[in-house]
Amino acid sequence: MNNIHLEITDREGLLYEIEAPTDMNMNLMEVMRAYEIAQDGEIGICGGMAMCASCQCYVQNEEEVVLPKMGDEEQAMLSEAFYVKPNSRLGCQIPVTSQIDGLKVVLAPLS
């Protein structure tokens, strides 16, 4: 099993430094749910379909990680979401792979 290191700051400002497996076909939203980083029912409401923005987060890295390109569904959802910033991404659209080792994100506020 290969693990990567992630730093996730929750909506209250609490930092979680976690190890996430790359061999379980998970995305960032699922990791946040597994580690109970957000209150139950506050993240992944749509089940990871890029339809609710409850897993919106702000990527803090400058160049250290390689994120997948933003797809049309993610762009459409973010165009309708609240508190969107230039570094906003949906956690459900970021697969947990070795390319995101060292990723640092902050969960966006709920609308």
N, C-alpha and C. Protein backbone atom coordinates (compact mmCIF):
# COMPACT_ATOMS: atom_id res chain seq x y z
N MET A 1 0.85 -1.19 0.00
CA MET A 1 0.00 0.00 0.00
C MET A 1 0.88 1.24 0.00
N ASN A 2 0.57 2.19 -0.86
CA ASN A 2 1.28 3.46 -0.93
C ASN A 2 0.41 4.54 -0.35
N ASN A 3 0.97 5.28 0.58
CA ASN A 3 0.24 6.40 1.19
C ASN A 3 0.86 7.71 0.77
N ILE A 4 0.01 8.74 0.75
CA ILE A 4 0.49 10.10 0.51
C ILE A 4 0.13 10.96 1.70
N HIS A 5 0.81 12.07 1.84
CA HIS A 5 0.57 13.01 2.93
C HIS A 5 -0.32 14.14 2.44
N LEU A 6 -1.37 14.44 3.20
CA LEU A 6 -2.28 15.55 2.89
C LEU A 6 -2.41 16.44 4.11
N GLU A 7 -2.59 17.73 3.88
CA GLU A 7 -2.88 18.68 4.95
C GLU A 7 -4.20 19.35 4.63
N ILE A 8 -5.18 19.11 5.49
CA ILE A 8 -6.54 19.62 5.26
C ILE A 8 -6.95 20.45 6.46
N THR A 9 -7.34 21.69 6.21
CA THR A 9 -7.84 22.56 7.26
C THR A 9 -9.36 22.60 7.16
N ASP A 10 -10.02 22.29 8.29
CA ASP A 10 -11.49 22.24 8.27
C ASP A 10 -12.09 23.63 8.36
N ARG A 11 -13.40 23.69 8.42
CA ARG A 11 -14.11 24.97 8.41
C ARG A 11 -13.95 25.77 9.70
N GLU A 12 -13.46 25.12 10.75
CA GLU A 12 -13.18 25.83 12.00
C GLU A 12 -11.72 26.24 12.12
N GLY A 13 -10.91 25.91 11.12
CA GLY A 13 -9.51 26.27 11.14
C GLY A 13 -8.59 25.21 11.73
N LEU A 14 -9.12 24.02 12.04
CA LEU A 14 -8.33 22.94 12.60
C LEU A 14 -7.59 22.21 11.49
N LEU A 15 -6.28 22.04 11.64
CA LEU A 15 -5.44 21.40 10.63
C LEU A 15 -5.36 19.90 10.89
N TYR A 16 -5.60 19.12 9.84
CA TYR A 16 -5.46 17.67 9.88
C TYR A 16 -4.31 17.29 8.96
N GLU A 17 -3.30 16.64 9.50
CA GLU A 17 -2.22 16.11 8.69
C GLU A 17 -2.45 14.61 8.63
N ILE A 18 -2.77 14.11 7.46
CA ILE A 18 -3.18 12.71 7.34
C ILE A 18 -2.39 11.98 6.26
N GLU A 19 -2.41 10.68 6.39
CA GLU A 19 -1.87 9.79 5.37
C GLU A 19 -3.06 9.15 4.67
N ALA A 20 -3.08 9.20 3.35
CA ALA A 20 -4.20 8.64 2.59
C ALA A 20 -3.67 7.60 1.61
N PRO A 21 -4.38 6.48 1.48
CA PRO A 21 -3.94 5.42 0.57
C PRO A 21 -4.21 5.78 -0.88
N THR A 22 -3.27 5.42 -1.73
CA THR A 22 -3.44 5.68 -3.17
C THR A 22 -3.99 4.46 -3.90
N ASP A 23 -4.15 3.36 -3.20
CA ASP A 23 -4.56 2.12 -3.87
C ASP A 23 -6.02 1.75 -3.61
N MET A 24 -6.84 2.71 -3.18
CA MET A 24 -8.24 2.40 -2.87
C MET A 24 -9.21 3.13 -3.80
N ASN A 25 -8.70 3.81 -4.83
CA ASN A 25 -9.54 4.50 -5.80
C ASN A 25 -10.47 5.52 -5.13
N MET A 26 -9.92 6.29 -4.19
CA MET A 26 -10.69 7.30 -3.47
C MET A 26 -10.42 8.67 -4.07
N ASN A 27 -11.31 9.61 -3.75
CA ASN A 27 -11.06 11.01 -4.10
C ASN A 27 -10.90 11.78 -2.79
N LEU A 28 -10.52 13.05 -2.90
CA LEU A 28 -10.24 13.87 -1.73
C LEU A 28 -11.47 13.99 -0.83
N MET A 29 -12.65 14.14 -1.42
CA MET A 29 -13.89 14.25 -0.62
C MET A 29 -14.09 12.98 0.21
N GLU A 30 -13.87 11.82 -0.37
CA GLU A 30 -14.06 10.57 0.35
C GLU A 30 -13.05 10.44 1.50
N VAL A 31 -11.84 10.91 1.29
CA VAL A 31 -10.84 10.90 2.36
C VAL A 31 -11.29 11.81 3.50
N MET A 32 -11.81 12.99 3.16
CA MET A 32 -12.27 13.92 4.19
C MET A 32 -13.43 13.31 4.98
N ARG A 33 -14.30 12.59 4.31
CA ARG A 33 -15.40 11.91 5.01
C ARG A 33 -14.88 10.78 5.89
N ALA A 34 -13.94 10.00 5.37
CA ALA A 34 -13.39 8.87 6.12
C ALA A 34 -12.71 9.33 7.41
N TYR A 35 -12.04 10.48 7.35
CA TYR A 35 -11.35 11.02 8.52
C TYR A 35 -12.25 11.94 9.35
N GLU A 36 -13.51 12.04 8.97
CA GLU A 36 -14.50 12.87 9.68
C GLU A 36 -14.02 14.30 9.86
N ILE A 37 -13.50 14.88 8.78
CA ILE A 37 -12.98 16.24 8.83
C ILE A 37 -14.11 17.26 8.85
N ALA A 38 -15.25 16.93 8.31
CA ALA A 38 -16.42 17.81 8.37
C ALA A 38 -17.52 17.09 9.13
N GLN A 39 -18.44 17.85 9.69
CA GLN A 39 -19.59 17.27 10.38
C GLN A 39 -20.33 16.34 9.43
N ASP A 40 -20.91 15.29 9.97
CA ASP A 40 -21.69 14.35 9.17
C ASP A 40 -22.78 15.11 8.42
N GLY A 41 -22.87 14.88 7.12
CA GLY A 41 -23.87 15.54 6.31
C GLY A 41 -23.46 16.88 5.74
N GLU A 42 -22.25 17.33 6.05
CA GLU A 42 -21.78 18.63 5.56
C GLU A 42 -20.89 18.53 4.33
N ILE A 43 -20.51 17.34 3.95
CA ILE A 43 -19.59 17.19 2.83
C ILE A 43 -19.99 15.96 2.02
N GLY A 44 -19.93 16.09 0.72
CA GLY A 44 -20.27 14.97 -0.16
C GLY A 44 -21.75 14.70 -0.24
N ILE A 45 -22.54 15.73 -0.15
CA ILE A 45 -24.00 15.60 -0.15
C ILE A 45 -24.49 14.93 -1.43
N CYS A 46 -23.88 15.24 -2.56
CA CYS A 46 -24.30 14.67 -3.84
C CYS A 46 -23.66 13.32 -4.13
N GLY A 47 -22.81 12.85 -3.23
CA GLY A 47 -22.16 11.57 -3.43
C GLY A 47 -20.95 11.62 -4.34
N GLY A 48 -20.44 12.79 -4.59
CA GLY A 48 -19.24 12.92 -5.42
C GLY A 48 -19.51 13.09 -6.90
N MET A 49 -20.66 13.64 -7.24
CA MET A 49 -21.05 13.81 -8.64
C MET A 49 -20.81 15.23 -9.17
N ALA A 50 -20.12 16.08 -8.40
CA ALA A 50 -19.86 17.48 -8.78
C ALA A 50 -21.16 18.25 -8.96
N MET A 51 -22.12 18.00 -8.06
CA MET A 51 -23.43 18.65 -8.18
C MET A 51 -23.84 19.48 -6.96
N CYS A 52 -22.95 19.60 -5.95
CA CYS A 52 -23.41 20.34 -4.77
C CYS A 52 -22.39 21.33 -4.21
N ALA A 53 -21.14 21.18 -4.49
CA ALA A 53 -20.05 22.04 -4.01
C ALA A 53 -19.85 21.98 -2.50
N SER A 54 -20.42 20.98 -1.81
CA SER A 54 -20.20 20.86 -0.37
C SER A 54 -18.77 20.47 -0.04
N CYS A 55 -18.03 19.98 -1.02
CA CYS A 55 -16.63 19.59 -0.81
C CYS A 55 -15.67 20.61 -1.42
N GLN A 56 -16.17 21.82 -1.71
CA GLN A 56 -15.30 22.86 -2.28
C GLN A 56 -14.17 23.16 -1.30
N CYS A 57 -12.99 23.23 -1.84
CA CYS A 57 -11.84 23.56 -1.02
C CYS A 57 -10.91 24.49 -1.80
N TYR A 58 -10.05 25.15 -1.05
CA TYR A 58 -9.08 26.07 -1.64
C TYR A 58 -7.71 25.41 -1.62
N VAL A 59 -7.13 25.22 -2.77
CA VAL A 59 -5.81 24.61 -2.88
C VAL A 59 -4.77 25.64 -2.48
N GLN A 60 -3.91 25.27 -1.53
CA GLN A 60 -2.92 26.20 -0.99
C GLN A 60 -1.55 26.04 -1.64
N ASN A 61 -1.31 24.94 -2.35
CA ASN A 61 -0.01 24.70 -2.97
C ASN A 61 0.18 25.62 -4.17
N GLU A 62 1.42 25.97 -4.39
CA GLU A 62 1.74 26.78 -5.56
C GLU A 62 2.04 25.88 -6.76
N GLU A 63 3.05 25.01 -6.64
CA GLU A 63 3.45 24.18 -7.77
C GLU A 63 3.82 22.76 -7.39
N GLU A 64 3.77 22.40 -6.14
CA GLU A 64 4.32 21.13 -5.68
C GLU A 64 3.52 19.91 -6.13
N VAL A 65 2.23 20.05 -6.35
CA VAL A 65 1.38 18.90 -6.69
C VAL A 65 0.83 19.07 -8.11
N VAL A 66 0.46 17.95 -8.70
CA VAL A 66 -0.11 17.98 -10.04
C VAL A 66 -1.57 17.56 -9.92
N LEU A 67 -2.47 18.52 -10.05
CA LEU A 67 -3.90 18.24 -9.97
C LEU A 67 -4.45 17.93 -11.37
N PRO A 68 -5.48 17.11 -11.43
CA PRO A 68 -6.09 16.87 -12.73
C PRO A 68 -6.75 18.14 -13.24
N LYS A 69 -6.86 18.26 -14.56
CA LYS A 69 -7.54 19.42 -15.14
C LYS A 69 -8.98 19.45 -14.67
N MET A 70 -9.50 20.64 -14.53
CA MET A 70 -10.89 20.80 -14.13
C MET A 70 -11.81 20.45 -15.30
N GLY A 71 -12.75 19.56 -15.06
CA GLY A 71 -13.70 19.16 -16.09
C GLY A 71 -14.87 20.12 -16.20
N ASP A 72 -15.68 19.93 -17.22
CA ASP A 72 -16.83 20.81 -17.46
C ASP A 72 -17.81 20.80 -16.30
N GLU A 73 -18.07 19.63 -15.72
CA GLU A 73 -19.03 19.53 -14.61
C GLU A 73 -18.54 20.32 -13.40
N GLU A 74 -17.25 20.18 -13.10
CA GLU A 74 -16.68 20.91 -11.97
C GLU A 74 -16.73 22.41 -12.21
N GLN A 75 -16.37 22.84 -13.41
CA GLN A 75 -16.42 24.27 -13.74
C GLN A 75 -17.84 24.80 -13.61
N ALA A 76 -18.81 24.04 -14.10
CA ALA A 76 -20.21 24.47 -14.04
C ALA A 76 -20.67 24.61 -12.59
N MET A 77 -20.32 23.65 -11.75
CA MET A 77 -20.75 23.70 -10.35
C MET A 77 -20.09 24.87 -9.64
N LEU A 78 -18.82 25.08 -9.87
CA LEU A 78 -18.13 26.19 -9.21
C LEU A 78 -18.64 27.54 -9.70
N SER A 79 -19.15 27.60 -10.93
CA SER A 79 -19.69 28.87 -11.43
C SER A 79 -20.97 29.26 -10.70
N GLU A 80 -21.61 28.31 -10.04
CA GLU A 80 -22.85 28.56 -9.30
C GLU A 80 -22.67 28.54 -7.79
N ALA A 81 -21.50 28.15 -7.31
CA ALA A 81 -21.26 27.98 -5.88
C ALA A 81 -20.96 29.32 -5.20
N PHE A 82 -21.07 29.33 -3.89
CA PHE A 82 -20.72 30.48 -3.07
C PHE A 82 -19.25 30.40 -2.67
N TYR A 83 -18.67 31.53 -2.33
CA TYR A 83 -17.31 31.64 -1.78
C TYR A 83 -16.24 31.08 -2.72
N VAL A 84 -16.47 31.12 -4.02
CA VAL A 84 -15.51 30.60 -4.98
C VAL A 84 -14.33 31.56 -5.12
N LYS A 85 -13.13 30.98 -5.15
CA LYS A 85 -11.90 31.74 -5.34
C LYS A 85 -11.16 31.15 -6.55
N PRO A 86 -10.15 31.84 -7.04
CA PRO A 86 -9.39 31.30 -8.18
C PRO A 86 -8.77 29.92 -7.90
N ASN A 87 -8.48 29.61 -6.63
CA ASN A 87 -7.87 28.33 -6.29
C ASN A 87 -8.90 27.30 -5.79
N SER A 88 -10.18 27.54 -6.07
CA SER A 88 -11.24 26.60 -5.66
C SER A 88 -11.22 25.35 -6.52
N ARG A 89 -11.45 24.21 -5.86
CA ARG A 89 -11.64 22.93 -6.54
C ARG A 89 -12.67 22.14 -5.74
N LEU A 90 -13.29 21.18 -6.39
CA LEU A 90 -14.19 20.25 -5.70
C LEU A 90 -13.38 19.03 -5.30
N GLY A 91 -13.41 18.70 -4.03
CA GLY A 91 -12.65 17.55 -3.54
C GLY A 91 -13.04 16.25 -4.21
N CYS A 92 -14.30 16.14 -4.61
CA CYS A 92 -14.77 14.90 -5.26
C CYS A 92 -14.16 14.71 -6.64
N GLN A 93 -13.55 15.74 -7.18
CA GLN A 93 -12.97 15.66 -8.52
C GLN A 93 -11.45 15.54 -8.49
N ILE A 94 -10.90 15.32 -7.29
CA ILE A 94 -9.45 15.17 -7.15
C ILE A 94 -9.16 13.75 -6.67
N PRO A 95 -8.75 12.87 -7.58
CA PRO A 95 -8.44 11.51 -7.17
C PRO A 95 -7.19 11.46 -6.29
N VAL A 96 -7.18 10.55 -5.34
CA VAL A 96 -6.03 10.39 -4.45
C VAL A 96 -5.01 9.52 -5.17
N THR A 97 -3.99 10.18 -5.69
CA THR A 97 -2.90 9.51 -6.41
C THR A 97 -1.58 10.05 -5.87
N SER A 98 -0.50 9.41 -6.26
CA SER A 98 0.82 9.86 -5.81
C SER A 98 1.13 11.28 -6.32
N GLN A 99 0.45 11.73 -7.37
CA GLN A 99 0.71 13.07 -7.92
C GLN A 99 0.25 14.19 -6.99
N ILE A 100 -0.64 13.90 -6.04
CA ILE A 100 -1.10 14.96 -5.14
C ILE A 100 -0.45 14.86 -3.76
N ASP A 101 0.61 14.08 -3.64
CA ASP A 101 1.33 13.98 -2.37
C ASP A 101 1.76 15.38 -1.93
N GLY A 102 1.44 15.72 -0.70
CA GLY A 102 1.77 17.04 -0.18
C GLY A 102 0.69 18.10 -0.40
N LEU A 103 -0.44 17.70 -0.94
CA LEU A 103 -1.53 18.65 -1.19
C LEU A 103 -1.99 19.30 0.11
N LYS A 104 -2.19 20.61 0.04
CA LYS A 104 -2.69 21.39 1.18
C LYS A 104 -3.97 22.09 0.75
N VAL A 105 -5.06 21.84 1.46
CA VAL A 105 -6.32 22.47 1.13
C VAL A 105 -7.00 23.01 2.39
N VAL A 106 -7.87 23.98 2.17
CA VAL A 106 -8.72 24.53 3.22
C VAL A 106 -10.15 24.38 2.74
N LEU A 107 -11.02 23.79 3.56
CA LEU A 107 -12.41 23.65 3.19
C LEU A 107 -13.09 25.01 3.11
N ALA A 108 -13.85 25.22 2.05
CA ALA A 108 -14.59 26.47 1.88
C ALA A 108 -15.76 26.52 2.86
N PRO A 109 -16.20 27.71 3.25
CA PRO A 109 -17.37 27.82 4.13
C PRO A 109 -18.61 27.25 3.45
N LEU A 110 -19.56 26.81 4.26
CA LEU A 110 -20.84 26.36 3.72
C LEU A 110 -21.66 27.58 3.32
N SER A 111 -22.53 27.41 2.34
CA SER A 111 -23.36 28.55 1.92
C SER A 111 -24.47 28.82 2.90
